[in-house]
C-alpha atoms as a PDB file:
ATOM      1  CA  UNK A   1     -11.436  -4.109 -44.637  1.00  0.00           C
ATOM      2  CA  UNK A   2     -13.336  -4.850 -41.441  1.00  0.00           C
ATOM      3  CA  UNK A   3     -16.581  -3.736 -43.091  1.00  0.00           C
ATOM      4  CA  UNK A   4     -16.044  -6.244 -45.913  1.00  0.00           C
ATOM      5  CA  UNK A   5     -15.218  -8.938 -43.340  1.00  0.00           C
ATOM      6  CA  UNK A   6     -18.342  -8.208 -41.316  1.00  0.00           C
ATOM      7  CA  UNK A   7     -20.525  -8.031 -44.433  1.00  0.00           C
ATOM      8  CA  UNK A   8     -19.232 -11.414 -45.597  1.00  0.00           C
ATOM      9  CA  UNK A   9     -19.482 -13.126 -42.203  1.00  0.00           C
ATOM     10  CA  UNK A  10     -22.633 -11.373 -41.035  1.00  0.00           C
ATOM     11  CA  UNK A  11     -24.970 -14.082 -42.284  1.00  0.00           C
ATOM     12  CA  UNK A  12     -25.153 -17.845 -42.021  1.00  0.00           C
ATOM     13  CA  UNK A  13     -23.794 -18.333 -45.538  1.00  0.00           C
ATOM     14  CA  UNK A  14     -22.144 -16.034 -48.059  1.00  0.00           C
ATOM     15  CA  UNK A  15     -24.487 -14.664 -50.715  1.00  0.00           C
ATOM     16  CA  UNK A  16     -24.700 -16.367 -54.074  1.00  0.00           C
ATOM     17  CA  UNK A  17     -25.511 -19.829 -52.738  1.00  0.00           C
ATOM     18  CA  UNK A  18     -28.354 -22.088 -53.795  1.00  0.00           C
ATOM     19  CA  UNK A  19     -31.667 -21.042 -52.245  1.00  0.00           C
ATOM     20  CA  UNK A  20     -33.155 -24.077 -50.485  1.00  0.00           C
ATOM     21  CA  UNK A  21     -35.539 -24.530 -47.524  1.00  0.00           C
ATOM     22  CA  UNK A  22     -32.544 -25.626 -45.426  1.00  0.00           C
ATOM     23  CA  UNK A  23     -30.612 -22.481 -46.367  1.00  0.00           C
ATOM     24  CA  UNK A  24     -33.585 -20.251 -45.502  1.00  0.00           C
ATOM     25  CA  UNK A  25     -34.025 -22.027 -42.140  1.00  0.00           C
ATOM     26  CA  UNK A  26     -30.309 -21.566 -41.397  1.00  0.00           C
ATOM     27  CA  UNK A  27     -30.558 -17.874 -42.251  1.00  0.00           C
ATOM     28  CA  UNK A  28     -33.567 -17.447 -39.930  1.00  0.00           C
ATOM     29  CA  UNK A  29     -31.826 -19.315 -37.103  1.00  0.00           C
ATOM     30  CA  UNK A  30     -28.617 -17.335 -37.597  1.00  0.00           C
ATOM     31  CA  UNK A  31     -30.630 -14.102 -37.466  1.00  0.00           C
ATOM     32  CA  UNK A  32     -32.262 -15.148 -34.199  1.00  0.00           C
ATOM     33  CA  UNK A  33     -28.942 -16.082 -32.597  1.00  0.00           C
ATOM     34  CA  UNK A  34     -27.184 -12.955 -33.903  1.00  0.00           C
ATOM     35  CA  UNK A  35     -29.945 -10.675 -32.550  1.00  0.00           C
ATOM     36  CA  UNK A  36     -29.804 -12.427 -29.159  1.00  0.00           C
ATOM     37  CA  UNK A  37     -26.006 -12.133 -28.919  1.00  0.00           C
ATOM     38  CA  UNK A  38     -26.174  -8.482 -30.002  1.00  0.00           C
ATOM     39  CA  UNK A  39     -28.846  -7.703 -27.394  1.00  0.00           C
ATOM     40  CA  UNK A  40     -26.842  -9.569 -24.750  1.00  0.00           C
ATOM     41  CA  UNK A  41     -23.707  -7.576 -25.554  1.00  0.00           C
ATOM     42  CA  UNK A  42     -25.656  -4.303 -25.547  1.00  0.00           C
ATOM     43  CA  UNK A  43     -27.141  -5.143 -22.145  1.00  0.00           C
ATOM     44  CA  UNK A  44     -24.063  -6.495 -20.373  1.00  0.00           C
ATOM     45  CA  UNK A  45     -21.479  -4.245 -22.029  1.00  0.00           C
ATOM     46  CA  UNK A  46     -23.321  -0.888 -22.106  1.00  0.00           C
ATOM     47  CA  UNK A  47     -20.056   1.055 -22.342  1.00  0.00           C
ATOM     48  CA  UNK A  48     -18.855  -1.175 -25.161  1.00  0.00           C
ATOM     49  CA  UNK A  49     -17.123  -4.509 -25.510  1.00  0.00           C
ATOM     50  CA  UNK A  50     -13.718  -2.792 -25.756  1.00  0.00           C
ATOM     51  CA  UNK A  51     -14.096  -1.567 -22.161  1.00  0.00           C
ATOM     52  CA  UNK A  52     -14.186  -5.148 -20.851  1.00  0.00           C
ATOM     53  CA  UNK A  53     -10.720  -6.703 -20.584  1.00  0.00           C
ATOM     54  CA  UNK A  54     -12.026 -10.287 -20.647  1.00  0.00           C
ATOM     55  CA  UNK A  55     -14.083  -9.718 -23.800  1.00  0.00           C
ATOM     56  CA  UNK A  56     -11.108  -8.071 -25.505  1.00  0.00           C
ATOM     57  CA  UNK A  57      -8.833 -10.948 -24.449  1.00  0.00           C
ATOM     58  CA  UNK A  58     -11.412 -13.406 -25.819  1.00  0.00           C
ATOM     59  CA  UNK A  59     -11.499 -11.616 -29.178  1.00  0.00           C
ATOM     60  CA  UNK A  60      -7.704 -11.393 -29.274  1.00  0.00           C
ATOM     61  CA  UNK A  61      -7.467 -15.145 -28.647  1.00  0.00           C
ATOM     62  CA  UNK A  62      -9.899 -15.840 -31.494  1.00  0.00           C
ATOM     63  CA  UNK A  63      -7.862 -13.589 -33.777  1.00  0.00           C
ATOM     64  CA  UNK A  64      -4.605 -15.245 -32.736  1.00  0.00           C
ATOM     65  CA  UNK A  65      -6.021 -18.724 -33.350  1.00  0.00           C
ATOM     66  CA  UNK A  66      -7.535 -17.647 -36.676  1.00  0.00           C
ATOM     67  CA  UNK A  67      -4.388 -15.937 -37.874  1.00  0.00           C
ATOM     68  CA  UNK A  68      -2.257 -18.998 -37.039  1.00  0.00           C
ATOM     69  CA  UNK A  69      -4.562 -21.335 -38.941  1.00  0.00           C
ATOM     70  CA  UNK A  70      -5.072 -19.230 -42.069  1.00  0.00           C
ATOM     71  CA  UNK A  71      -3.013 -17.445 -44.669  1.00  0.00           C
ATOM     72  CA  UNK A  72      -0.557 -15.055 -43.005  1.00  0.00           C
ATOM     73  CA  UNK A  73      -1.795 -11.991 -44.909  1.00  0.00           C
ATOM     74  CA  UNK A  74      -5.372 -12.694 -43.758  1.00  0.00           C
ATOM     75  CA  UNK A  75      -4.183 -12.908 -40.150  1.00  0.00           C
ATOM     76  CA  UNK A  76      -2.333  -9.604 -40.477  1.00  0.00           C
ATOM     77  CA  UNK A  77      -5.401  -7.921 -41.981  1.00  0.00           C
ATOM     78  CA  UNK A  78      -7.623  -9.305 -39.238  1.00  0.00           C
ATOM     79  CA  UNK A  79      -5.196  -8.132 -36.546  1.00  0.00           C
ATOM     80  CA  UNK A  80      -4.980  -4.650 -38.058  1.00  0.00           C
ATOM     81  CA  UNK A  81      -8.759  -4.439 -38.343  1.00  0.00           C
ATOM     82  CA  UNK A  82      -9.109  -5.451 -34.687  1.00  0.00           C
ATOM     83  CA  UNK A  83      -6.574  -2.841 -33.576  1.00  0.00           C
ATOM     84  CA  UNK A  84      -8.392  -0.152 -35.576  1.00  0.00           C
ATOM     85  CA  UNK A  85     -11.696  -1.169 -33.990  1.00  0.00           C
ATOM     86  CA  UNK A  86     -10.535  -0.840 -30.362  1.00  0.00           C
ATOM     87  CA  UNK A  87     -11.852   2.732 -30.055  1.00  0.00           C
ATOM     88  CA  UNK A  88     -15.151   2.017 -31.822  1.00  0.00           C
ATOM     89  CA  UNK A  89     -17.600   0.272 -29.449  1.00  0.00           C
ATOM     90  CA  UNK A  90     -20.275  -0.612 -32.026  1.00  0.00           C
ATOM     91  CA  UNK A  91     -17.722  -2.073 -34.405  1.00  0.00           C
ATOM     92  CA  UNK A  92     -16.169  -4.135 -31.600  1.00  0.00           C
ATOM     93  CA  UNK A  93     -19.631  -5.433 -30.700  1.00  0.00           C
ATOM     94  CA  UNK A  94     -20.317  -6.349 -34.343  1.00  0.00           C
ATOM     95  CA  UNK A  95     -16.988  -8.185 -34.432  1.00  0.00           C
ATOM     96  CA  UNK A  96     -17.832 -10.109 -31.246  1.00  0.00           C
ATOM     97  CA  UNK A  97     -21.315 -10.998 -32.551  1.00  0.00           C
ATOM     98  CA  UNK A  98     -19.790 -12.132 -35.829  1.00  0.00           C
ATOM     99  CA  UNK A  99     -17.303 -14.458 -34.131  1.00  0.00           C
ATOM    100  CA  UNK A 100     -19.805 -15.830 -31.624  1.00  0.00           C
ATOM    101  CA  UNK A 101     -22.412 -16.639 -34.264  1.00  0.00           C
ATOM    102  CA  UNK A 102     -20.182 -18.281 -36.880  1.00  0.00           C
END
């Protein structure tokens, strides 16, 4: 489930939209920001985002806020995906990049 979530939210807009100059510019900008955030996380969290209590608390707060403002089943899926990602540093970093660049 987390892979589908990350694939869907990994770009500025979901696929299937109208291709316009504005859309292409947004995609380029999103790519720049996402690469910067990913490089930042790789540099400042070399052992993984999950090893940093503040980063984990930040992600948990985002998930809590998201799950309270969306459909309950979506919140439960997001919470389960987060729990399953705790031991996977690259997946946790992708999740953090995804939330920070949305």
